[in-house]
Amino acid sequence: MARKRVNLSAVPRPAFDLQAFLDSAGLARTVATYDTGSVIFSQGDPAEDVLYIQDGTVKLSVLSRTGKEAVVAMLGKGDFLGEGCLAGQRRRMATASALGPSTLLVVEKPQMVAMLHEQPLLADRFLLHMLARNIRIEEDLVDQLFNSSEKRLARTLLLLARYGKSDQPVRVPKLSQETLAEIVGTTRSRINFFMNKFRDLGFIEYNGEIKVNRSLLTVVLHD
């Protein structure tokens, strides 16, 4: 009987629907909803669970001893947060706040650890999330070191709009200029200047709410 060798790496695998898995896994879990501006957890709180964003946008910020706040990440639907507890982190290193109405799935640390060991597809998805987060942190560092505040603002708006997932203008969660200044690392007056400039050039639609057009990418690519 002739044997036929099959290249398993070439066999297409069905896409892993994380939300469907979480809904059907029979988890002892909590679904929490937050209004705009609500604190999900605070810097220094016990780190006891992992959260998955089902809907909404979450800001992660760090407060220094002198009271200065820095925004370190903006997370959206499909992202995890609080995963530091899986690596032995006992206290939250940042404060998580809802930038708009948000719904999060809360999974306690022991159950998350068990699922990662028992569900390879979930472990793969979670690993991809962590790698993407690492890449984003490295890109943010390069952005802060080498790019102008104008480019940093353009990149921030593109990231908030999930650039590449739609050809149409995308509405960004409503943010104050103060919050954008914290993310970009500049002053509110500079943010106001560049936002008006981007609007005048047709890169964004800005009248309280923000809609980002693909043409804003030219600011990031321009030397």
N, C-alpha and C. Protein backbone atom coordinates (compact mmCIF):
# COMPACT_ATOMS: atom_id res chain seq x y z
N MET A 1 0.85 -1.20 0.00
CA MET A 1 0.00 0.00 0.00
C MET A 1 0.89 1.24 0.00
N ALA A 2 0.67 2.11 -0.96
CA ALA A 2 1.49 3.31 -1.08
C ALA A 2 1.08 4.32 -0.01
N ARG A 3 2.09 4.95 0.51
CA ARG A 3 1.84 5.99 1.51
C ARG A 3 2.00 7.37 0.90
N LYS A 4 1.12 8.22 1.25
CA LYS A 4 1.17 9.59 0.75
C LYS A 4 1.52 10.52 1.90
N ARG A 5 2.60 11.27 1.71
CA ARG A 5 3.02 12.20 2.75
C ARG A 5 2.19 13.49 2.66
N VAL A 6 1.70 13.91 3.80
CA VAL A 6 0.90 15.13 3.86
C VAL A 6 1.66 16.18 4.66
N ASN A 7 1.81 17.34 4.09
CA ASN A 7 2.44 18.45 4.79
C ASN A 7 1.39 19.10 5.69
N LEU A 8 1.45 18.78 7.00
CA LEU A 8 0.42 19.26 7.91
C LEU A 8 0.42 20.76 8.04
N SER A 9 1.61 21.38 7.86
CA SER A 9 1.67 22.84 7.98
C SER A 9 0.92 23.53 6.86
N ALA A 10 0.67 22.77 5.76
CA ALA A 10 -0.02 23.36 4.63
C ALA A 10 -1.53 23.16 4.71
N VAL A 11 -1.98 22.35 5.68
CA VAL A 11 -3.41 22.09 5.83
C VAL A 11 -4.05 23.29 6.52
N PRO A 12 -5.03 23.93 5.87
CA PRO A 12 -5.63 25.11 6.48
C PRO A 12 -6.37 24.78 7.77
N ARG A 13 -6.19 25.60 8.76
CA ARG A 13 -6.89 25.42 10.03
C ARG A 13 -8.05 26.40 10.12
N PRO A 14 -9.14 25.97 10.73
CA PRO A 14 -10.26 26.90 10.88
C PRO A 14 -9.85 28.06 11.78
N ALA A 15 -10.34 29.25 11.45
CA ALA A 15 -10.02 30.42 12.26
C ALA A 15 -10.56 30.23 13.67
N PHE A 16 -9.80 30.64 14.64
CA PHE A 16 -10.21 30.50 16.03
C PHE A 16 -11.03 31.71 16.44
N ASP A 17 -12.27 31.46 16.75
CA ASP A 17 -13.17 32.52 17.19
C ASP A 17 -13.09 32.62 18.71
N LEU A 18 -12.27 33.55 19.19
CA LEU A 18 -12.03 33.67 20.62
C LEU A 18 -13.31 33.99 21.38
N GLN A 19 -14.10 34.92 20.86
CA GLN A 19 -15.32 35.30 21.56
C GLN A 19 -16.28 34.12 21.68
N ALA A 20 -16.41 33.34 20.59
CA ALA A 20 -17.29 32.17 20.63
C ALA A 20 -16.79 31.16 21.65
N PHE A 21 -15.45 30.99 21.71
CA PHE A 21 -14.88 30.06 22.68
C PHE A 21 -15.18 30.51 24.11
N LEU A 22 -14.95 31.77 24.38
CA LEU A 22 -15.18 32.27 25.73
C LEU A 22 -16.65 32.16 26.12
N ASP A 23 -17.53 32.33 25.14
CA ASP A 23 -18.96 32.24 25.41
C ASP A 23 -19.40 30.80 25.70
N SER A 24 -18.68 29.83 25.10
CA SER A 24 -19.13 28.44 25.18
C SER A 24 -18.30 27.58 26.12
N ALA A 25 -17.26 28.15 26.72
CA ALA A 25 -16.33 27.34 27.51
C ALA A 25 -16.86 26.98 28.89
N GLY A 26 -18.01 27.46 29.25
CA GLY A 26 -18.56 27.13 30.56
C GLY A 26 -17.76 27.74 31.69
N LEU A 27 -17.20 28.92 31.47
CA LEU A 27 -16.36 29.55 32.48
C LEU A 27 -17.19 30.11 33.62
N ALA A 28 -16.59 30.05 34.81
CA ALA A 28 -17.15 30.81 35.92
C ALA A 28 -16.58 32.21 35.76
N ARG A 29 -17.32 33.05 35.10
CA ARG A 29 -16.77 34.34 34.72
C ARG A 29 -17.77 35.46 35.02
N THR A 30 -17.26 36.65 34.95
CA THR A 30 -18.07 37.84 35.20
C THR A 30 -18.02 38.73 33.97
N VAL A 31 -19.16 39.21 33.53
CA VAL A 31 -19.20 40.21 32.48
C VAL A 31 -19.50 41.54 33.15
N ALA A 32 -18.56 42.47 33.01
CA ALA A 32 -18.69 43.76 33.67
C ALA A 32 -18.86 44.86 32.65
N THR A 33 -19.72 45.81 32.93
CA THR A 33 -19.94 46.95 32.04
C THR A 33 -19.50 48.23 32.75
N TYR A 34 -18.94 49.15 31.97
CA TYR A 34 -18.42 50.40 32.53
C TYR A 34 -18.88 51.57 31.68
N ASP A 35 -19.23 52.64 32.36
CA ASP A 35 -19.59 53.88 31.67
C ASP A 35 -18.33 54.66 31.33
N THR A 36 -18.48 55.65 30.47
CA THR A 36 -17.36 56.51 30.09
C THR A 36 -16.71 57.13 31.32
N GLY A 37 -15.39 56.97 31.40
CA GLY A 37 -14.64 57.55 32.51
C GLY A 37 -14.53 56.67 33.74
N SER A 38 -15.22 55.53 33.74
CA SER A 38 -15.17 54.65 34.91
C SER A 38 -13.81 53.98 35.02
N VAL A 39 -13.35 53.78 36.24
CA VAL A 39 -12.09 53.09 36.49
C VAL A 39 -12.35 51.59 36.60
N ILE A 40 -11.64 50.82 35.79
CA ILE A 40 -11.79 49.36 35.78
C ILE A 40 -10.94 48.75 36.88
N PHE A 41 -9.70 49.16 36.97
CA PHE A 41 -8.86 48.87 38.14
C PHE A 41 -7.83 49.98 38.26
N SER A 42 -7.28 50.13 39.46
CA SER A 42 -6.35 51.23 39.74
C SER A 42 -4.94 50.71 39.96
N GLN A 43 -3.99 51.56 39.67
CA GLN A 43 -2.59 51.26 39.93
C GLN A 43 -2.43 50.91 41.41
N GLY A 44 -1.80 49.75 41.68
CA GLY A 44 -1.61 49.31 43.06
C GLY A 44 -2.65 48.34 43.55
N ASP A 45 -3.76 48.16 42.80
CA ASP A 45 -4.77 47.17 43.19
C ASP A 45 -4.19 45.76 43.08
N PRO A 46 -4.73 44.80 43.86
CA PRO A 46 -4.29 43.41 43.70
C PRO A 46 -4.54 42.92 42.28
N ALA A 47 -3.56 42.20 41.71
CA ALA A 47 -3.69 41.66 40.35
C ALA A 47 -4.16 40.22 40.47
N GLU A 48 -5.46 40.01 40.26
CA GLU A 48 -6.05 38.70 40.53
C GLU A 48 -6.78 38.10 39.34
N ASP A 49 -6.93 38.85 38.23
CA ASP A 49 -7.68 38.33 37.11
C ASP A 49 -7.21 38.95 35.80
N VAL A 50 -7.63 38.32 34.71
CA VAL A 50 -7.34 38.80 33.36
C VAL A 50 -8.66 39.26 32.76
N LEU A 51 -8.62 40.35 32.01
CA LEU A 51 -9.85 40.89 31.42
C LEU A 51 -9.74 40.88 29.90
N TYR A 52 -10.85 40.62 29.26
CA TYR A 52 -10.94 40.59 27.80
C TYR A 52 -12.00 41.60 27.37
N ILE A 53 -11.60 42.51 26.48
CA ILE A 53 -12.52 43.57 26.06
C ILE A 53 -13.47 43.05 24.98
N GLN A 54 -14.73 42.93 25.34
CA GLN A 54 -15.75 42.51 24.38
C GLN A 54 -16.23 43.68 23.53
N ASP A 55 -16.24 44.86 24.12
CA ASP A 55 -16.67 46.05 23.39
C ASP A 55 -16.16 47.28 24.13
N GLY A 56 -15.80 48.32 23.36
CA GLY A 56 -15.36 49.56 23.97
C GLY A 56 -13.87 49.81 23.82
N THR A 57 -13.40 50.85 24.50
CA THR A 57 -12.00 51.24 24.46
C THR A 57 -11.53 51.54 25.87
N VAL A 58 -10.32 51.07 26.18
CA VAL A 58 -9.77 51.20 27.53
C VAL A 58 -8.42 51.90 27.47
N LYS A 59 -8.22 52.84 28.38
CA LYS A 59 -6.95 53.56 28.50
C LYS A 59 -6.17 53.01 29.69
N LEU A 60 -4.89 52.72 29.47
CA LEU A 60 -3.99 52.34 30.56
C LEU A 60 -3.07 53.52 30.84
N SER A 61 -3.02 53.96 32.08
CA SER A 61 -2.18 55.10 32.44
C SER A 61 -1.42 54.81 33.73
N VAL A 62 -0.28 55.48 33.86
CA VAL A 62 0.57 55.30 35.03
C VAL A 62 0.76 56.66 35.71
N LEU A 63 0.69 56.67 37.03
CA LEU A 63 0.85 57.90 37.79
C LEU A 63 2.19 57.84 38.54
N SER A 64 3.01 58.89 38.36
CA SER A 64 4.30 58.94 39.03
C SER A 64 4.13 59.40 40.47
N ARG A 65 5.21 59.31 41.25
CA ARG A 65 5.17 59.74 42.65
C ARG A 65 4.87 61.24 42.76
N THR A 66 5.24 62.00 41.73
CA THR A 66 5.01 63.45 41.75
C THR A 66 3.64 63.83 41.22
N GLY A 67 2.83 62.82 40.83
CA GLY A 67 1.47 63.09 40.37
C GLY A 67 1.33 63.28 38.88
N LYS A 68 2.40 63.03 38.13
CA LYS A 68 2.33 63.17 36.67
C LYS A 68 1.79 61.89 36.06
N GLU A 69 0.80 62.04 35.17
CA GLU A 69 0.17 60.88 34.54
C GLU A 69 0.68 60.70 33.11
N ALA A 70 0.93 59.46 32.74
CA ALA A 70 1.33 59.14 31.37
C ALA A 70 0.45 58.01 30.86
N VAL A 71 -0.10 58.17 29.66
CA VAL A 71 -0.89 57.12 29.03
C VAL A 71 0.06 56.15 28.33
N VAL A 72 -0.02 54.87 28.70
CA VAL A 72 0.93 53.89 28.17
C VAL A 72 0.31 52.96 27.14
N ALA A 73 -1.01 52.91 27.06
CA ALA A 73 -1.63 52.04 26.05
C ALA A 73 -3.10 52.41 25.89
N MET A 74 -3.58 52.17 24.66
CA MET A 74 -5.00 52.30 24.35
C MET A 74 -5.44 50.95 23.78
N LEU A 75 -6.40 50.32 24.43
CA LEU A 75 -6.82 48.97 24.04
C LEU A 75 -8.27 48.99 23.58
N GLY A 76 -8.59 48.06 22.66
CA GLY A 76 -9.94 48.01 22.12
C GLY A 76 -10.50 46.61 22.07
N LYS A 77 -11.61 46.47 21.41
CA LYS A 77 -12.31 45.19 21.31
C LYS A 77 -11.37 44.09 20.84
N GLY A 78 -11.36 42.97 21.58
CA GLY A 78 -10.51 41.84 21.23
C GLY A 78 -9.18 41.82 21.94
N ASP A 79 -8.90 42.85 22.74
CA ASP A 79 -7.64 42.91 23.48
C ASP A 79 -7.81 42.38 24.91
N PHE A 80 -6.69 41.89 25.46
CA PHE A 80 -6.64 41.50 26.87
C PHE A 80 -5.98 42.63 27.67
N LEU A 81 -6.27 42.65 28.95
CA LEU A 81 -5.52 43.50 29.87
C LEU A 81 -5.47 42.82 31.23
N GLY A 82 -4.51 43.25 32.04
CA GLY A 82 -4.35 42.63 33.35
C GLY A 82 -3.61 41.32 33.31
N GLU A 83 -2.99 40.99 32.16
CA GLU A 83 -2.33 39.69 32.02
C GLU A 83 -1.05 39.58 32.82
N GLY A 84 -0.57 40.69 33.40
CA GLY A 84 0.65 40.65 34.21
C GLY A 84 0.54 39.69 35.38
N CYS A 85 -0.68 39.45 35.87
CA CYS A 85 -0.86 38.54 37.00
C CYS A 85 -0.41 37.12 36.65
N LEU A 86 -0.43 36.77 35.38
CA LEU A 86 -0.02 35.43 34.96
C LEU A 86 1.49 35.24 35.08
N ALA A 87 2.23 36.35 35.14
CA ALA A 87 3.69 36.29 35.25
C ALA A 87 4.16 36.61 36.66
N GLY A 88 3.25 36.52 37.62
CA GLY A 88 3.62 36.74 39.01
C GLY A 88 3.43 38.16 39.51
N GLN A 89 2.86 39.03 38.70
CA GLN A 89 2.62 40.41 39.13
C GLN A 89 1.51 40.40 40.19
N ARG A 90 1.83 40.95 41.36
CA ARG A 90 0.87 40.92 42.46
C ARG A 90 0.01 42.18 42.53
N ARG A 91 0.52 43.27 41.99
CA ARG A 91 -0.21 44.53 42.00
C ARG A 91 -0.33 45.09 40.59
N ARG A 92 -1.41 45.78 40.33
CA ARG A 92 -1.58 46.41 39.02
C ARG A 92 -0.53 47.51 38.85
N MET A 93 0.12 47.52 37.71
CA MET A 93 1.16 48.50 37.44
C MET A 93 0.61 49.77 36.80
N ALA A 94 -0.66 49.73 36.41
CA ALA A 94 -1.28 50.88 35.74
C ALA A 94 -2.75 50.96 36.14
N THR A 95 -3.36 52.08 35.81
CA THR A 95 -4.79 52.26 36.01
C THR A 95 -5.50 52.08 34.67
N ALA A 96 -6.56 51.30 34.65
CA ALA A 96 -7.35 51.07 33.44
C ALA A 96 -8.67 51.83 33.56
N SER A 97 -8.97 52.65 32.55
CA SER A 97 -10.20 53.46 32.56
C SER A 97 -10.93 53.27 31.24
N ALA A 98 -12.26 53.28 31.30
CA ALA A 98 -13.07 53.16 30.09
C ALA A 98 -13.18 54.52 29.41
N LEU A 99 -12.82 54.59 28.13
CA LEU A 99 -12.93 55.84 27.38
C LEU A 99 -14.32 56.02 26.79
N GLY A 100 -15.08 54.96 26.78
CA GLY A 100 -16.46 55.00 26.32
C GLY A 100 -17.18 53.84 26.97
N PRO A 101 -18.48 53.69 26.76
CA PRO A 101 -19.18 52.53 27.30
C PRO A 101 -18.46 51.24 26.89
N SER A 102 -18.11 50.42 27.86
CA SER A 102 -17.27 49.25 27.58
C SER A 102 -17.81 48.03 28.32
N THR A 103 -17.61 46.87 27.68
CA THR A 103 -18.00 45.59 28.27
C THR A 103 -16.78 44.68 28.31
N LEU A 104 -16.47 44.14 29.48
CA LEU A 104 -15.28 43.31 29.64
C LEU A 104 -15.65 41.98 30.30
N LEU A 105 -14.98 40.94 29.83
CA LEU A 105 -15.10 39.62 30.44
C LEU A 105 -13.97 39.48 31.44
N VAL A 106 -14.30 39.11 32.67
CA VAL A 106 -13.30 38.99 33.73
C VAL A 106 -13.11 37.51 34.06
N VAL A 107 -11.86 37.02 33.91
CA VAL A 107 -11.54 35.62 34.19
C VAL A 107 -10.49 35.58 35.29
N GLU A 108 -10.77 34.86 36.37
CA GLU A 108 -9.82 34.78 37.47
C GLU A 108 -8.55 34.07 37.04
N LYS A 109 -7.43 34.46 37.66
CA LYS A 109 -6.11 33.96 37.27
C LYS A 109 -6.04 32.42 37.22
N PRO A 110 -6.45 31.67 38.25
CA PRO A 110 -6.32 30.20 38.18
C PRO A 110 -7.04 29.59 36.99
N GLN A 111 -8.23 30.12 36.66
CA GLN A 111 -8.98 29.58 35.55
C GLN A 111 -8.32 29.94 34.21
N MET A 112 -7.77 31.15 34.11
CA MET A 112 -7.07 31.54 32.89
C MET A 112 -5.85 30.67 32.67
N VAL A 113 -5.10 30.40 33.73
CA VAL A 113 -3.92 29.53 33.62
C VAL A 113 -4.33 28.14 33.16
N ALA A 114 -5.39 27.60 33.74
CA ALA A 114 -5.86 26.27 33.36
C ALA A 114 -6.28 26.23 31.89
N MET A 115 -6.99 27.25 31.44
CA MET A 115 -7.44 27.28 30.05
C MET A 115 -6.26 27.36 29.09
N LEU A 116 -5.25 28.13 29.44
CA LEU A 116 -4.08 28.26 28.55
C LEU A 116 -3.34 26.92 28.42
N HIS A 117 -3.37 26.11 29.49
CA HIS A 117 -2.73 24.79 29.43
C HIS A 117 -3.58 23.78 28.68
N GLU A 118 -4.90 23.93 28.77
CA GLU A 118 -5.81 22.91 28.22
C GLU A 118 -6.29 23.23 26.81
N GLN A 119 -6.21 24.48 26.40
CA GLN A 119 -6.76 24.89 25.11
C GLN A 119 -5.65 25.49 24.23
N PRO A 120 -5.03 24.68 23.37
CA PRO A 120 -3.92 25.17 22.53
C PRO A 120 -4.30 26.36 21.65
N LEU A 121 -5.51 26.36 21.12
CA LEU A 121 -5.91 27.46 20.25
C LEU A 121 -6.02 28.77 21.03
N LEU A 122 -6.52 28.67 22.25
CA LEU A 122 -6.58 29.86 23.09
C LEU A 122 -5.17 30.33 23.43
N ALA A 123 -4.28 29.38 23.75
CA ALA A 123 -2.89 29.73 24.08
C ALA A 123 -2.22 30.42 22.89
N ASP A 124 -2.48 29.92 21.67
CA ASP A 124 -1.92 30.54 20.46
C ASP A 124 -2.42 31.97 20.31
N ARG A 125 -3.72 32.16 20.50
CA ARG A 125 -4.32 33.49 20.36
C ARG A 125 -3.76 34.45 21.40
N PHE A 126 -3.60 33.95 22.62
CA PHE A 126 -3.07 34.79 23.69
C PHE A 126 -1.61 35.14 23.43
N LEU A 127 -0.83 34.19 22.91
CA LEU A 127 0.57 34.45 22.58
C LEU A 127 0.67 35.52 21.50
N LEU A 128 -0.19 35.44 20.49
CA LEU A 128 -0.18 36.46 19.44
C LEU A 128 -0.49 37.84 20.02
N HIS A 129 -1.43 37.87 20.96
CA HIS A 129 -1.75 39.14 21.62
C HIS A 129 -0.53 39.71 22.33
N MET A 130 0.20 38.86 23.06
CA MET A 130 1.35 39.34 23.81
C MET A 130 2.47 39.79 22.88
N LEU A 131 2.69 39.07 21.79
CA LEU A 131 3.71 39.47 20.83
C LEU A 131 3.35 40.81 20.18
N ALA A 132 2.08 40.95 19.82
CA ALA A 132 1.63 42.22 19.22
C ALA A 132 1.79 43.36 20.21
N ARG A 133 1.51 43.11 21.49
CA ARG A 133 1.67 44.15 22.52
C ARG A 133 3.15 44.55 22.64
N ASN A 134 4.05 43.56 22.60
CA ASN A 134 5.49 43.84 22.68
C ASN A 134 5.95 44.69 21.51
N ILE A 135 5.49 44.32 20.31
CA ILE A 135 5.86 45.08 19.11
C ILE A 135 5.36 46.51 19.23
N ARG A 136 4.14 46.66 19.71
CA ARG A 136 3.55 48.00 19.86
C ARG A 136 4.36 48.84 20.84
N ILE A 137 4.80 48.25 21.95
CA ILE A 137 5.59 48.99 22.93
C ILE A 137 6.91 49.45 22.33
N GLU A 138 7.55 48.58 21.54
CA GLU A 138 8.80 48.95 20.89
C GLU A 138 8.57 50.08 19.89
N GLU A 139 7.48 49.99 19.13
CA GLU A 139 7.17 51.04 18.16
C GLU A 139 6.88 52.36 18.87
N ASP A 140 6.18 52.29 20.01
CA ASP A 140 5.89 53.50 20.77
C ASP A 140 7.17 54.16 21.26
N LEU A 141 8.13 53.34 21.69
CA LEU A 141 9.39 53.88 22.18
C LEU A 141 10.15 54.59 21.05
N VAL A 142 10.22 53.94 19.89
CA VAL A 142 10.87 54.56 18.74
C VAL A 142 10.16 55.85 18.36
N ASP A 143 8.84 55.82 18.41
CA ASP A 143 8.04 56.99 18.07
C ASP A 143 8.38 58.16 18.98
N GLN A 144 8.46 57.89 20.29
CA GLN A 144 8.76 58.95 21.25
C GLN A 144 10.18 59.49 21.08
N LEU A 145 11.12 58.61 20.72
CA LEU A 145 12.52 59.02 20.62
C LEU A 145 12.84 59.80 19.36
N PHE A 146 12.20 59.43 18.25
CA PHE A 146 12.66 59.95 16.96
C PHE A 146 11.64 60.77 16.17
N ASN A 147 10.36 60.69 16.50
CA ASN A 147 9.36 61.38 15.68
C ASN A 147 8.87 62.67 16.33
N SER A 148 8.45 63.59 15.49
CA SER A 148 7.90 64.86 15.96
C SER A 148 6.54 64.61 16.61
N SER A 149 6.08 65.60 17.38
CA SER A 149 4.77 65.46 18.02
C SER A 149 3.66 65.37 16.98
N GLU A 150 3.84 65.99 15.81
CA GLU A 150 2.84 65.91 14.75
C GLU A 150 2.70 64.47 14.25
N LYS A 151 3.85 63.81 14.01
CA LYS A 151 3.81 62.42 13.55
C LYS A 151 3.25 61.51 14.64
N ARG A 152 3.61 61.78 15.89
CA ARG A 152 3.13 60.93 16.98
C ARG A 152 1.62 61.04 17.11
N LEU A 153 1.08 62.24 16.93
CA LEU A 153 -0.37 62.41 16.99
C LEU A 153 -1.04 61.68 15.84
N ALA A 154 -0.49 61.80 14.63
CA ALA A 154 -1.07 61.11 13.47
C ALA A 154 -1.07 59.60 13.69
N ARG A 155 0.04 59.07 14.20
CA ARG A 155 0.12 57.62 14.45
C ARG A 155 -0.88 57.20 15.52
N THR A 156 -1.01 58.00 16.56
CA THR A 156 -1.97 57.69 17.62
C THR A 156 -3.39 57.62 17.08
N LEU A 157 -3.77 58.58 16.26
CA LEU A 157 -5.12 58.59 15.69
C LEU A 157 -5.35 57.39 14.78
N LEU A 158 -4.33 57.02 13.99
CA LEU A 158 -4.45 55.85 13.12
C LEU A 158 -4.60 54.57 13.93
N LEU A 159 -3.86 54.46 15.01
CA LEU A 159 -3.97 53.28 15.86
C LEU A 159 -5.34 53.21 16.54
N LEU A 160 -5.83 54.34 17.00
CA LEU A 160 -7.15 54.36 17.63
C LEU A 160 -8.24 54.00 16.64
N ALA A 161 -8.03 54.37 15.38
CA ALA A 161 -9.01 54.07 14.33
C ALA A 161 -8.81 52.67 13.75
N ARG A 162 -7.86 51.91 14.33
CA ARG A 162 -7.58 50.55 13.84
C ARG A 162 -7.29 50.59 12.35
N TYR A 163 -6.31 51.40 11.96
CA TYR A 163 -5.95 51.60 10.56
C TYR A 163 -5.74 50.26 9.87
N GLY A 164 -6.25 50.16 8.64
CA GLY A 164 -6.07 48.96 7.83
C GLY A 164 -7.27 48.04 7.84
N LYS A 165 -8.21 48.26 8.79
CA LYS A 165 -9.36 47.38 8.87
C LYS A 165 -10.58 47.91 8.12
N SER A 166 -10.45 49.11 7.58
CA SER A 166 -11.58 49.68 6.85
C SER A 166 -11.08 50.73 5.88
N ASP A 167 -11.74 50.81 4.72
CA ASP A 167 -11.39 51.84 3.74
C ASP A 167 -12.17 53.13 3.97
N GLN A 168 -13.12 53.08 4.86
CA GLN A 168 -13.97 54.23 5.11
C GLN A 168 -13.46 55.01 6.33
N PRO A 169 -13.82 56.29 6.45
CA PRO A 169 -13.44 57.03 7.65
C PRO A 169 -13.93 56.30 8.90
N VAL A 170 -13.08 56.23 9.91
CA VAL A 170 -13.40 55.49 11.12
C VAL A 170 -13.53 56.45 12.30
N ARG A 171 -14.61 56.30 13.05
CA ARG A 171 -14.83 57.16 14.21
C ARG A 171 -13.95 56.70 15.37
N VAL A 172 -13.19 57.62 15.93
CA VAL A 172 -12.33 57.36 17.07
C VAL A 172 -13.14 57.59 18.34
N PRO A 173 -12.92 56.79 19.39
CA PRO A 173 -13.60 57.07 20.66
C PRO A 173 -13.39 58.52 21.07
N LYS A 174 -14.43 59.14 21.59
CA LYS A 174 -14.34 60.56 21.93
C LYS A 174 -13.27 60.80 22.98
N LEU A 175 -12.29 61.62 22.62
CA LEU A 175 -11.16 61.91 23.50
C LEU A 175 -10.99 63.42 23.64
N SER A 176 -10.62 63.84 24.82
CA SER A 176 -10.31 65.26 25.00
C SER A 176 -8.91 65.53 24.47
N GLN A 177 -8.65 66.80 24.18
CA GLN A 177 -7.31 67.16 23.74
C GLN A 177 -6.29 66.94 24.86
N GLU A 178 -6.72 67.04 26.10
CA GLU A 178 -5.82 66.77 27.23
C GLU A 178 -5.37 65.31 27.21
N THR A 179 -6.32 64.40 26.94
CA THR A 179 -5.96 62.97 26.88
C THR A 179 -5.03 62.69 25.72
N LEU A 180 -5.31 63.28 24.57
CA LEU A 180 -4.42 63.10 23.42
C LEU A 180 -3.02 63.64 23.72
N ALA A 181 -2.96 64.75 24.44
CA ALA A 181 -1.66 65.31 24.82
C ALA A 181 -0.89 64.35 25.72
N GLU A 182 -1.59 63.68 26.64
CA GLU A 182 -0.95 62.71 27.52
C GLU A 182 -0.42 61.52 26.74
N ILE A 183 -1.18 61.07 25.74
CA ILE A 183 -0.76 59.92 24.94
C ILE A 183 0.45 60.28 24.08
N VAL A 184 0.39 61.44 23.45
CA VAL A 184 1.43 61.85 22.50
C VAL A 184 2.68 62.34 23.22
N GLY A 185 2.49 62.89 24.41
CA GLY A 185 3.62 63.43 25.14
C GLY A 185 3.96 64.85 24.72
N THR A 186 2.93 65.68 24.63
CA THR A 186 3.13 67.08 24.26
C THR A 186 2.10 67.93 24.97
N THR A 187 1.96 69.19 24.58
CA THR A 187 1.02 70.09 25.25
C THR A 187 -0.33 70.09 24.53
N ARG A 188 -1.35 70.53 25.25
CA ARG A 188 -2.69 70.61 24.66
C ARG A 188 -2.70 71.60 23.50
N SER A 189 -1.96 72.71 23.63
CA SER A 189 -1.96 73.71 22.56
C SER A 189 -1.39 73.14 21.26
N ARG A 190 -0.38 72.27 21.37
CA ARG A 190 0.19 71.64 20.18
C ARG A 190 -0.82 70.68 19.55
N ILE A 191 -1.52 69.95 20.41
CA ILE A 191 -2.55 69.03 19.91
C ILE A 191 -3.62 69.82 19.17
N ASN A 192 -4.07 70.91 19.74
CA ASN A 192 -5.10 71.74 19.11
C ASN A 192 -4.64 72.24 17.74
N PHE A 193 -3.39 72.68 17.67
CA PHE A 193 -2.83 73.18 16.41
C PHE A 193 -2.83 72.10 15.34
N PHE A 194 -2.34 70.91 15.69
CA PHE A 194 -2.22 69.84 14.69
C PHE A 194 -3.58 69.26 14.32
N MET A 195 -4.51 69.19 15.28
CA MET A 195 -5.84 68.68 14.96
C MET A 195 -6.53 69.60 13.96
N ASN A 196 -6.41 70.89 14.16
CA ASN A 196 -6.98 71.84 13.21
C ASN A 196 -6.30 71.74 11.85
N LYS A 197 -5.00 71.55 11.86
CA LYS A 197 -4.25 71.40 10.62
C LYS A 197 -4.70 70.14 9.87
N PHE A 198 -4.82 69.02 10.57
CA PHE A 198 -5.26 67.78 9.93
C PHE A 198 -6.66 67.93 9.36
N ARG A 199 -7.53 68.65 10.09
CA ARG A 199 -8.89 68.86 9.60
C ARG A 199 -8.88 69.72 8.34
N ASP A 200 -8.10 70.79 8.34
CA ASP A 200 -8.04 71.67 7.18
C ASP A 200 -7.50 70.95 5.94
N LEU A 201 -6.60 69.98 6.15
CA LEU A 201 -6.03 69.23 5.04
C LEU A 201 -6.91 68.04 4.61
N GLY A 202 -8.00 67.81 5.33
CA GLY A 202 -8.91 66.73 4.97
C GLY A 202 -8.49 65.37 5.48
N PHE A 203 -7.50 65.34 6.38
CA PHE A 203 -7.03 64.06 6.91
C PHE A 203 -7.99 63.49 7.95
N ILE A 204 -8.69 64.38 8.64
CA ILE A 204 -9.66 63.95 9.65
C ILE A 204 -10.90 64.82 9.55
N GLU A 205 -11.99 64.33 10.12
CA GLU A 205 -13.20 65.11 10.31
C GLU A 205 -13.29 65.34 11.82
N TYR A 206 -13.29 66.60 12.21
CA TYR A 206 -13.14 66.90 13.63
C TYR A 206 -14.11 68.00 14.04
N ASN A 207 -15.14 67.57 14.75
CA ASN A 207 -16.12 68.52 15.28
C ASN A 207 -16.67 67.93 16.58
N GLY A 208 -15.81 67.87 17.58
CA GLY A 208 -16.16 67.17 18.81
C GLY A 208 -15.77 65.71 18.69
N GLU A 209 -16.43 64.99 17.79
CA GLU A 209 -16.03 63.62 17.47
C GLU A 209 -14.95 63.65 16.40
N ILE A 210 -14.21 62.57 16.30
CA ILE A 210 -13.11 62.48 15.36
C ILE A 210 -13.34 61.31 14.41
N LYS A 211 -13.24 61.60 13.11
CA LYS A 211 -13.24 60.54 12.10
C LYS A 211 -11.91 60.62 11.36
N VAL A 212 -11.25 59.48 11.20
CA VAL A 212 -9.92 59.44 10.62
C VAL A 212 -9.99 58.90 9.20
N ASN A 213 -9.42 59.64 8.25
CA ASN A 213 -9.33 59.20 6.86
C ASN A 213 -7.97 58.55 6.61
N ARG A 214 -7.93 57.66 5.62
CA ARG A 214 -6.69 56.95 5.30
C ARG A 214 -5.57 57.90 4.91
N SER A 215 -5.93 59.06 4.37
CA SER A 215 -4.92 60.02 3.92
C SER A 215 -4.04 60.52 5.06
N LEU A 216 -4.47 60.36 6.32
CA LEU A 216 -3.64 60.78 7.44
C LEU A 216 -2.32 60.01 7.48
N LEU A 217 -2.30 58.84 6.86
CA LEU A 217 -1.08 58.05 6.82
C LEU A 217 0.08 58.81 6.18
N THR A 218 -0.22 59.75 5.30
CA THR A 218 0.85 60.49 4.61
C THR A 218 1.70 61.30 5.61
N VAL A 219 1.09 61.72 6.72
CA VAL A 219 1.83 62.46 7.74
C VAL A 219 2.89 61.55 8.38
N VAL A 220 2.53 60.29 8.62
CA VAL A 220 3.43 59.34 9.27
C VAL A 220 4.56 58.96 8.30
N LEU A 221 4.23 58.81 7.01
CA LEU A 221 5.21 58.35 6.04
C LEU A 221 6.11 59.47 5.52
N HIS A 222 5.68 60.71 5.70
CA HIS A 222 6.44 61.84 5.16
C HIS A 222 7.69 62.11 6.01
N ASP A 223 8.84 62.26 5.34
CA ASP A 223 10.10 62.56 6.04
C ASP A 223 10.32 64.06 6.10
